[in-house]
Amino acid sequence: MSRIWRAFGLQPHRSQTFKLSTDPYFVDKVHDVVGLYLDPPERALVFCVDEKSQIQALDRSQPVLPMMPGVPQRTTHDYVRAGTTTLFAALEVATGKVIGSLHRRHRAEEFKKFLVKLDKEVPAGLDVHLICDNYATHKTPAIKKWLLAHPRFHLHFTPTGSSWLNLVERWFAELTNKRIRRGVHRSVQALEKDIRNWIAAWNTPNPTSGRRPRTRSSNASPAI
């Protein structure tokens, strides 16, 4: 049997998953988002925005054993939970800079506070285009009212089930793999401090940890 598997390139022990979006406006939304990546508007900044919710502050039940020659780092399988936090993040497409904000809750109220922060940090005179997913907190009456009062902000929604189209998701993966997953955090405050340090390092030219894409002009196309 194994010879047959090898002859036909079959690997029955492996499996993969997939998801097809059922959004009736899938094509239009993809064109809208990709169009912002490839040909951003003049005098505007494009941000990929999302929330990384329920980030857990975890402390291993036993001290971490550091790696040694021929031996990988070892950790216990169990851990102690110390609480959670939520990171709201906006990845600027042109430069890779990240604007982040940490909150203990994940509601429209916190998203509105994040929009206020973006409004303060983005230079006046520039439009702000935000690529978001279809989470309910992005579409509440309070958010719509705020957007009407700040006409330079424009929200663009990815198709349902298509978070892969939002570049900030890739940045979240970097944060998880290089900072959070191997970290030991005995409190939420320690976790939040670690995340803030990671963002600061990411936004620093030639950082010692993390890697930020090279600076591009406002109309340059990102690598996607």
Protein backbone atom coordinates (compact mmCIF):
# COMPACT_ATOMS: atom_id res chain seq x y z
CA MET A 1 0.00 0.00 0.00
CA SER A 2 2.78 2.46 0.87
CA ARG A 3 4.33 1.90 -2.58
CA ILE A 4 1.04 2.90 -4.23
CA TRP A 5 0.82 6.04 -2.11
CA ARG A 6 4.36 7.06 -3.04
CA ALA A 7 3.83 6.26 -6.73
CA PHE A 8 0.77 8.52 -6.98
CA GLY A 9 1.97 11.17 -4.56
CA LEU A 10 -0.82 10.42 -2.06
CA GLN A 11 -0.50 11.56 1.57
CA PRO A 12 -3.58 10.30 3.43
CA HIS A 13 -2.21 11.47 6.78
CA ARG A 14 -2.44 15.10 5.67
CA SER A 15 -5.49 17.30 5.26
CA GLN A 16 -6.16 20.97 4.56
CA THR A 17 -9.12 23.27 5.10
CA PHE A 18 -10.66 25.91 2.88
CA LYS A 19 -13.47 28.45 3.01
CA LEU A 20 -15.47 30.00 0.19
CA SER A 21 -17.04 33.38 0.84
CA THR A 22 -20.78 33.56 0.25
CA ASP A 23 -20.77 37.37 0.12
CA PRO A 24 -22.93 38.39 -2.89
CA TYR A 25 -20.69 41.44 -3.38
CA PHE A 26 -17.45 39.48 -3.12
CA VAL A 27 -15.98 40.64 -6.45
CA ASP A 28 -16.86 44.30 -5.90
CA LYS A 29 -15.35 44.31 -2.40
CA VAL A 30 -12.16 42.59 -3.55
CA HIS A 31 -11.77 45.16 -6.34
CA ASP A 32 -12.32 47.96 -3.82
CA VAL A 33 -9.76 46.70 -1.29
CA VAL A 34 -7.10 45.61 -3.77
CA GLY A 35 -7.60 48.89 -5.62
CA LEU A 36 -6.69 50.76 -2.43
CA TYR A 37 -3.55 48.65 -2.09
CA LEU A 38 -2.40 49.13 -5.67
CA ASP A 39 -3.62 52.65 -6.44
CA PRO A 40 -4.34 54.63 -3.24
CA PRO A 41 -6.09 58.01 -3.56
CA GLU A 42 -4.12 61.24 -3.66
CA ARG A 43 -3.66 63.08 -0.36
CA ALA A 44 -4.90 60.13 1.64
CA LEU A 45 -3.58 57.38 3.89
CA VAL A 46 -4.81 53.79 3.71
CA PHE A 47 -4.88 51.72 6.89
CA CYS A 48 -5.69 48.06 7.47
CA VAL A 49 -7.64 47.94 10.73
CA ASP A 50 -8.69 45.11 12.98
CA GLU A 51 -8.84 43.94 16.59
CA LYS A 52 -6.89 41.10 18.13
CA SER A 53 -9.21 40.25 20.99
CA GLN A 54 -8.85 38.03 24.04
CA ILE A 55 -5.04 38.09 24.12
CA GLN A 56 -4.24 36.04 27.20
CA ALA A 57 -1.61 36.86 29.78
CA LEU A 58 -0.16 33.40 30.47
CA ASP A 59 2.42 32.22 32.95
CA ARG A 60 3.77 28.68 32.60
CA SER A 61 3.24 26.41 35.59
CA GLN A 62 7.00 25.71 35.67
CA PRO A 63 9.98 27.83 34.58
CA VAL A 64 10.80 27.76 30.87
CA LEU A 65 13.86 25.66 30.06
CA PRO A 66 16.06 27.57 27.57
CA MET A 67 17.34 26.00 24.40
CA MET A 68 20.73 24.29 24.42
CA PRO A 69 22.87 22.75 21.68
CA GLY A 70 20.72 20.02 20.18
CA VAL A 71 17.83 20.71 22.58
CA PRO A 72 14.92 23.09 21.77
CA GLN A 73 13.35 25.44 24.27
CA ARG A 74 10.95 23.52 26.48
CA THR A 75 7.82 24.70 28.27
CA THR A 76 5.15 22.97 30.29
CA HIS A 77 1.91 22.21 28.48
CA ASP A 78 -0.17 23.84 31.22
CA TYR A 79 -0.26 27.45 32.31
CA VAL A 80 -1.89 29.98 34.62
CA ARG A 81 -4.20 32.62 33.15
CA ALA A 82 -3.87 36.17 34.46
CA GLY A 83 -6.49 37.92 32.32
CA THR A 84 -6.95 39.21 28.77
CA THR A 85 -6.59 42.37 26.72
CA THR A 86 -7.62 43.49 23.24
CA LEU A 87 -5.36 45.22 20.73
CA PHE A 88 -6.87 47.61 18.19
CA ALA A 89 -4.33 48.13 15.40
CA ALA A 90 -4.08 50.12 12.17
CA LEU A 91 -1.34 49.15 9.71
CA GLU A 92 -0.44 52.00 7.36
CA VAL A 93 -0.17 50.39 3.93
CA ALA A 94 2.37 52.84 2.48
CA THR A 95 5.00 52.58 5.24
CA GLY A 96 4.13 49.61 7.45
CA LYS A 97 3.80 51.83 10.52
CA VAL A 98 1.36 50.54 13.12
CA ILE A 99 -0.87 52.62 15.37
CA GLY A 100 -2.15 50.55 18.26
CA SER A 101 -4.41 50.94 21.26
CA LEU A 102 -5.04 48.46 24.09
CA HIS A 103 -8.37 48.05 25.86
CA ARG A 104 -9.75 45.56 28.35
CA ARG A 105 -13.06 45.31 26.49
CA HIS A 106 -14.01 44.82 22.86
CA ARG A 107 -17.05 46.95 22.02
CA ALA A 108 -18.08 49.71 19.65
CA GLU A 109 -17.18 52.15 22.41
CA GLU A 110 -13.55 51.03 22.34
CA PHE A 111 -13.50 51.07 18.53
CA LYS A 112 -14.77 54.65 18.61
CA LYS A 113 -11.95 55.61 20.99
CA PHE A 114 -9.50 54.06 18.54
CA LEU A 115 -10.97 56.11 15.68
CA VAL A 116 -10.50 59.24 17.79
CA LYS A 117 -6.84 58.29 18.29
CA LEU A 118 -6.37 57.81 14.55
CA ASP A 119 -7.99 61.18 13.91
CA LYS A 120 -5.46 62.83 16.22
CA GLU A 121 -2.41 61.04 14.79
CA VAL A 122 -3.14 61.37 11.06
CA PRO A 123 -2.14 64.84 9.78
CA ALA A 124 -5.00 67.19 9.06
CA GLY A 125 -5.76 67.62 5.37
CA LEU A 126 -5.38 63.94 4.56
CA ASP A 127 -8.29 61.59 3.97
CA VAL A 128 -8.26 58.33 5.92
CA HIS A 129 -9.33 55.08 4.27
CA LEU A 130 -9.81 52.16 6.65
CA ILE A 131 -9.99 48.55 5.46
CA CYS A 132 -12.05 46.62 8.03
CA ASP A 133 -13.89 43.34 8.39
CA ASN A 134 -17.64 43.01 8.95
CA TYR A 135 -17.58 42.80 12.74
CA ALA A 136 -20.70 44.34 14.28
CA THR A 137 -18.78 46.92 16.33
CA HIS A 138 -17.69 48.61 13.09
CA LYS A 139 -21.26 49.31 12.01
CA THR A 140 -23.20 50.46 15.08
CA PRO A 141 -25.28 53.67 15.00
CA ALA A 142 -22.72 55.37 17.26
CA ILE A 143 -19.89 54.58 14.82
CA LYS A 144 -21.95 55.72 11.83
CA LYS A 145 -22.76 58.98 13.63
CA TRP A 146 -19.06 59.53 14.39
CA LEU A 147 -18.13 58.91 10.75
CA LEU A 148 -20.71 61.44 9.58
CA ALA A 149 -19.08 64.01 11.86
CA HIS A 150 -15.63 63.15 10.46
CA PRO A 151 -16.11 63.03 6.68
CA ARG A 152 -12.42 62.47 5.94
CA PHE A 153 -12.81 58.89 7.24
CA HIS A 154 -13.93 56.24 4.75
CA LEU A 155 -14.56 52.60 5.70
CA HIS A 156 -14.04 49.79 3.20
CA PHE A 157 -15.23 46.32 4.19
CA THR A 158 -13.63 43.06 3.15
CA PRO A 159 -15.98 40.31 1.92
CA THR A 160 -17.43 38.07 4.62
CA GLY A 161 -15.14 35.17 5.44
CA SER A 162 -12.16 36.88 3.78
CA SER A 163 -9.97 38.17 6.58
CA TRP A 164 -6.93 37.08 4.52
CA LEU A 165 -7.51 40.19 2.42
CA ASN A 166 -6.68 42.45 5.36
CA LEU A 167 -2.91 42.95 5.65
CA VAL A 168 -3.03 43.70 9.38
CA GLU A 169 -3.87 40.03 9.96
CA ARG A 170 -0.36 39.17 8.76
CA TRP A 171 1.07 41.67 11.23
CA PHE A 172 -0.94 40.06 14.03
CA ALA A 173 0.72 36.76 13.09
CA GLU A 174 4.15 38.40 13.46
CA LEU A 175 3.18 39.74 16.87
CA THR A 176 1.93 36.34 18.00
CA ASN A 177 4.86 34.31 16.72
CA LYS A 178 7.68 36.63 17.73
CA ARG A 179 6.42 38.19 20.96
CA ILE A 180 3.33 36.68 22.56
CA ARG A 181 3.55 32.92 22.01
CA ARG A 182 6.88 32.41 23.77
CA GLY A 183 6.33 35.14 26.31
CA VAL A 184 5.66 34.72 30.00
CA HIS A 185 3.26 37.29 31.38
CA ARG A 186 2.20 37.15 35.01
CA SER A 187 -0.25 40.04 34.65
CA VAL A 188 -2.25 41.85 31.99
CA GLN A 189 -0.15 44.94 32.64
CA ALA A 190 3.02 43.00 31.79
CA LEU A 191 1.42 41.67 28.61
CA GLU A 192 0.30 45.13 27.52
CA LYS A 193 3.76 46.57 28.21
CA ASP A 194 5.28 43.83 26.04
CA ILE A 195 2.88 44.60 23.19
CA ARG A 196 3.58 48.33 23.39
CA ASN A 197 7.33 47.67 23.28
CA TRP A 198 6.84 45.44 20.24
CA ILE A 199 4.90 48.16 18.40
CA ALA A 200 7.54 50.76 19.29
CA ALA A 201 10.30 48.45 18.01
CA TRP A 202 8.33 47.72 14.83
CA ASN A 203 7.95 51.43 14.11
CA THR A 204 11.63 52.17 14.74
CA PRO A 205 13.93 52.14 11.67
CA ASN A 206 16.24 49.12 11.76
CA PRO A 207 14.67 47.72 14.94
CA THR A 208 16.43 45.01 16.90
CA SER A 209 13.22 42.98 17.18
CA GLY A 210 10.51 42.73 14.61
CA ARG A 211 10.80 43.99 11.07
CA ARG A 212 9.05 46.90 9.48
CA PRO A 213 8.79 47.26 5.68
CA ARG A 214 10.85 49.96 4.06
CA THR A 215 9.28 53.39 3.71
CA ARG A 216 7.41 54.00 0.49
CA SER A 217 5.76 57.04 -1.01
CA SER A 218 2.04 57.50 -0.30
CA ASN A 219 1.14 56.22 -3.76
CA ALA A 220 3.47 53.20 -3.86
CA SER A 221 2.05 49.72 -4.09
CA PRO A 222 2.63 47.25 -1.24
CA ALA A 223 3.75 43.71 -1.76
CA ILE A 224 0.71 41.48 -1.48
